[in-house]
Amino acid sequence: MFDKLMEMFRDLAGETVDDQLFSAGDHRVATAALLVHLVAVDGVIDEQEQATLKTVLMEKFDLSEDETADLIAVASQQDKEAVDFYHFTSILKRELDEQGRIEMIEMMWELVFADGQIDEFEDNMVWRVSELLGVSRRDRIRMRQHVQAQAELSEE
């Protein structure tokens, strides 16, 4: 019944199914919003970080380039409206199992290492999000070491 009521409101508002591809409570939006924030947290957004963001989201969620651009746009808006990380991490904690939350931290480390430098703000954000997601210190460090080793191999 609730779904029918929501559908009626969407019809009245003129929304289509395409408009609803990424809703505010979607774990993909929560993931992307945290990643968008992470890319910008050091005050410098370079092309490599932007490219890595797109690649990570496309691969993780099996999206086309247009869908990825839409997801990033929705996530950027959600990030601008957010007061803190709790809104996003609560969605992820509810929707993802332990392995999914660890993979989220791995994606964050991929973005941190994208520009070849670890900024203290980026490191701090990964730590804070890990804590909110219930990812252990051990798993957070393990993911960091894994991504760092991959980054070093790709540089050779």
Protein backbone atom coordinates (compact mmCIF):
# COMPACT_ATOMS: atom_id res chain seq x y z
CA MET A 1 0.00 0.00 0.00
CA PHE A 2 2.81 2.37 0.91
CA ASP A 3 4.50 1.70 -2.43
CA LYS A 4 1.30 2.56 -4.29
CA LEU A 5 1.01 5.82 -2.35
CA MET A 6 4.62 6.73 -3.12
CA GLU A 7 4.08 5.88 -6.79
CA MET A 8 1.07 8.20 -6.85
CA PHE A 9 3.13 11.07 -5.39
CA ARG A 10 5.89 10.44 -7.93
CA ASP A 11 3.35 10.51 -10.76
CA LEU A 12 1.93 13.79 -9.47
CA ALA A 13 5.42 15.25 -9.25
CA GLY A 14 6.12 14.17 -12.82
CA GLU A 15 8.99 11.85 -11.87
CA THR A 16 9.74 8.90 -14.09
CA VAL A 17 11.46 5.64 -13.31
CA ASP A 18 14.64 7.10 -14.86
CA ASP A 19 14.57 9.97 -12.34
CA GLN A 20 14.63 7.41 -9.55
CA LEU A 21 17.68 5.44 -10.68
CA PHE A 22 19.59 6.71 -7.65
CA SER A 23 17.48 7.58 -4.61
CA ALA A 24 18.73 9.24 -1.44
CA GLY A 25 18.58 5.99 0.57
CA ASP A 26 20.45 3.97 -2.06
CA HIS A 27 23.69 2.48 -0.74
CA ARG A 28 25.34 3.39 -4.06
CA VAL A 29 24.59 7.06 -3.42
CA ALA A 30 25.90 6.78 0.14
CA THR A 31 29.08 5.14 -1.13
CA ALA A 32 29.57 7.70 -3.88
CA ALA A 33 28.88 10.63 -1.54
CA LEU A 34 31.60 9.49 0.85
CA LEU A 35 34.00 8.98 -2.06
CA VAL A 36 33.16 12.39 -3.55
CA HIS A 37 33.84 13.98 -0.17
CA LEU A 38 37.11 12.06 0.17
CA VAL A 39 38.34 13.28 -3.21
CA ALA A 40 37.77 16.89 -2.14
CA VAL A 41 38.79 16.67 1.53
CA ASP A 42 42.41 17.70 0.91
CA GLY A 43 41.30 20.79 -1.02
CA VAL A 44 42.80 19.56 -4.31
CA ILE A 45 40.83 17.56 -6.86
CA ASP A 46 43.11 16.38 -9.64
CA GLU A 47 42.29 14.54 -12.84
CA GLN A 48 43.73 11.25 -11.59
CA GLU A 49 41.45 11.28 -8.53
CA GLN A 50 38.42 12.07 -10.68
CA ALA A 51 39.28 9.29 -13.11
CA THR A 52 39.80 6.83 -10.26
CA LEU A 53 36.48 7.85 -8.70
CA LYS A 54 34.66 7.15 -11.96
CA THR A 55 36.47 3.85 -12.50
CA VAL A 56 35.88 2.61 -8.96
CA LEU A 57 32.15 3.39 -9.12
CA MET A 58 31.71 1.95 -12.62
CA GLU A 59 33.42 -1.30 -11.67
CA LYS A 60 31.87 -1.69 -8.23
CA PHE A 61 28.30 -1.04 -9.33
CA ASP A 62 28.55 -2.20 -12.97
CA LEU A 63 27.42 1.18 -14.36
CA SER A 64 27.72 2.83 -17.74
CA GLU A 65 29.58 6.13 -18.07
CA ASP A 66 26.30 8.08 -18.14
CA GLU A 67 24.96 6.24 -15.09
CA THR A 68 28.23 6.88 -13.28
CA ALA A 69 28.04 10.59 -14.10
CA ASP A 70 24.45 10.66 -12.80
CA LEU A 71 25.48 8.85 -9.63
CA ILE A 72 28.33 11.29 -9.01
CA ALA A 73 25.98 14.24 -9.58
CA VAL A 74 23.41 12.89 -7.10
CA ALA A 75 26.15 11.99 -4.62
CA SER A 76 27.75 15.43 -4.88
CA GLN A 77 24.44 17.07 -4.08
CA GLN A 78 23.87 14.71 -1.15
CA ASP A 79 27.38 15.46 0.12
CA LYS A 80 26.73 19.21 -0.03
CA GLU A 81 23.54 18.79 2.00
CA ALA A 82 25.07 16.44 4.59
CA VAL A 83 26.01 17.62 8.04
CA ASP A 84 28.22 14.64 8.81
CA PHE A 85 29.12 11.13 7.64
CA TYR A 86 26.62 9.35 9.87
CA HIS A 87 23.74 9.57 7.39
CA PHE A 88 25.80 7.78 4.73
CA THR A 89 27.48 5.28 7.02
CA SER A 90 24.18 4.29 8.65
CA ILE A 91 22.80 3.38 5.21
CA LEU A 92 25.95 1.40 4.41
CA LYS A 93 25.97 -0.33 7.77
CA ARG A 94 22.35 -1.36 7.27
CA GLU A 95 22.74 -2.45 3.62
CA LEU A 96 26.21 -4.03 3.53
CA ASP A 97 27.59 -7.07 5.27
CA GLU A 98 31.02 -7.01 6.92
CA GLN A 99 32.84 -7.83 3.70
CA GLY A 100 30.93 -5.08 1.85
CA ARG A 101 31.94 -2.53 4.47
CA ILE A 102 35.59 -3.64 4.21
CA GLU A 103 35.36 -3.24 0.43
CA MET A 104 34.06 0.29 1.00
CA ILE A 105 37.22 1.09 2.95
CA GLU A 106 39.28 -0.48 0.17
CA MET A 107 37.60 1.86 -2.36
CA MET A 108 38.44 4.80 -0.12
CA TRP A 109 42.10 3.78 0.00
CA GLU A 110 42.13 3.48 -3.80
CA LEU A 111 41.11 7.12 -4.00
CA VAL A 112 43.61 8.17 -1.34
CA PHE A 113 46.47 6.57 -3.29
CA ALA A 114 45.20 7.80 -6.69
CA ASP A 115 47.30 10.97 -6.62
CA GLY A 116 50.35 9.26 -5.13
CA GLN A 117 50.13 11.15 -1.84
CA ILE A 118 48.41 10.45 1.45
CA ASP A 119 47.03 13.62 2.93
CA GLU A 120 46.36 13.69 6.69
CA PHE A 121 42.75 14.77 6.03
CA GLU A 122 42.20 11.79 3.74
CA ASP A 123 43.78 9.40 6.24
CA ASN A 124 41.62 10.85 9.01
CA MET A 125 38.45 10.54 6.96
CA VAL A 126 39.14 6.87 6.18
CA TRP A 127 39.70 6.26 9.90
CA ARG A 128 36.46 8.05 10.87
CA VAL A 129 34.35 6.26 8.26
CA SER A 130 35.91 2.92 9.26
CA GLU A 131 34.91 3.54 12.85
CA LEU A 132 31.35 4.46 11.88
CA LEU A 133 31.06 1.36 9.67
CA GLY A 134 32.40 -0.93 12.38
CA VAL A 135 35.44 -1.92 10.31
CA SER A 136 38.23 -2.99 12.61
CA ARG A 137 41.56 -1.20 12.81
CA ARG A 138 43.21 -4.39 11.57
CA ASP A 139 41.01 -4.57 8.46
CA ARG A 140 41.46 -0.85 7.76
CA ILE A 141 45.25 -1.19 7.89
CA ARG A 142 45.16 -4.42 5.88
CA MET A 143 43.18 -2.67 3.13
CA ARG A 144 45.59 0.25 3.19
CA GLN A 145 48.58 -2.05 2.79
CA HIS A 146 46.85 -4.02 0.03
CA VAL A 147 45.96 -0.91 -1.99
CA GLN A 148 49.38 0.65 -1.38
CA ALA A 149 51.09 -2.51 -2.66
CA GLN A 150 48.85 -2.50 -5.75
CA ALA A 151 49.66 1.17 -6.36
CA GLU A 152 53.40 0.50 -6.07
CA LEU A 153 53.14 -2.42 -8.51
CA SER A 154 51.34 -0.30 -11.08
CA GLU A 155 54.03 2.39 -10.83
CA GLU A 156 56.77 -0.07 -11.84
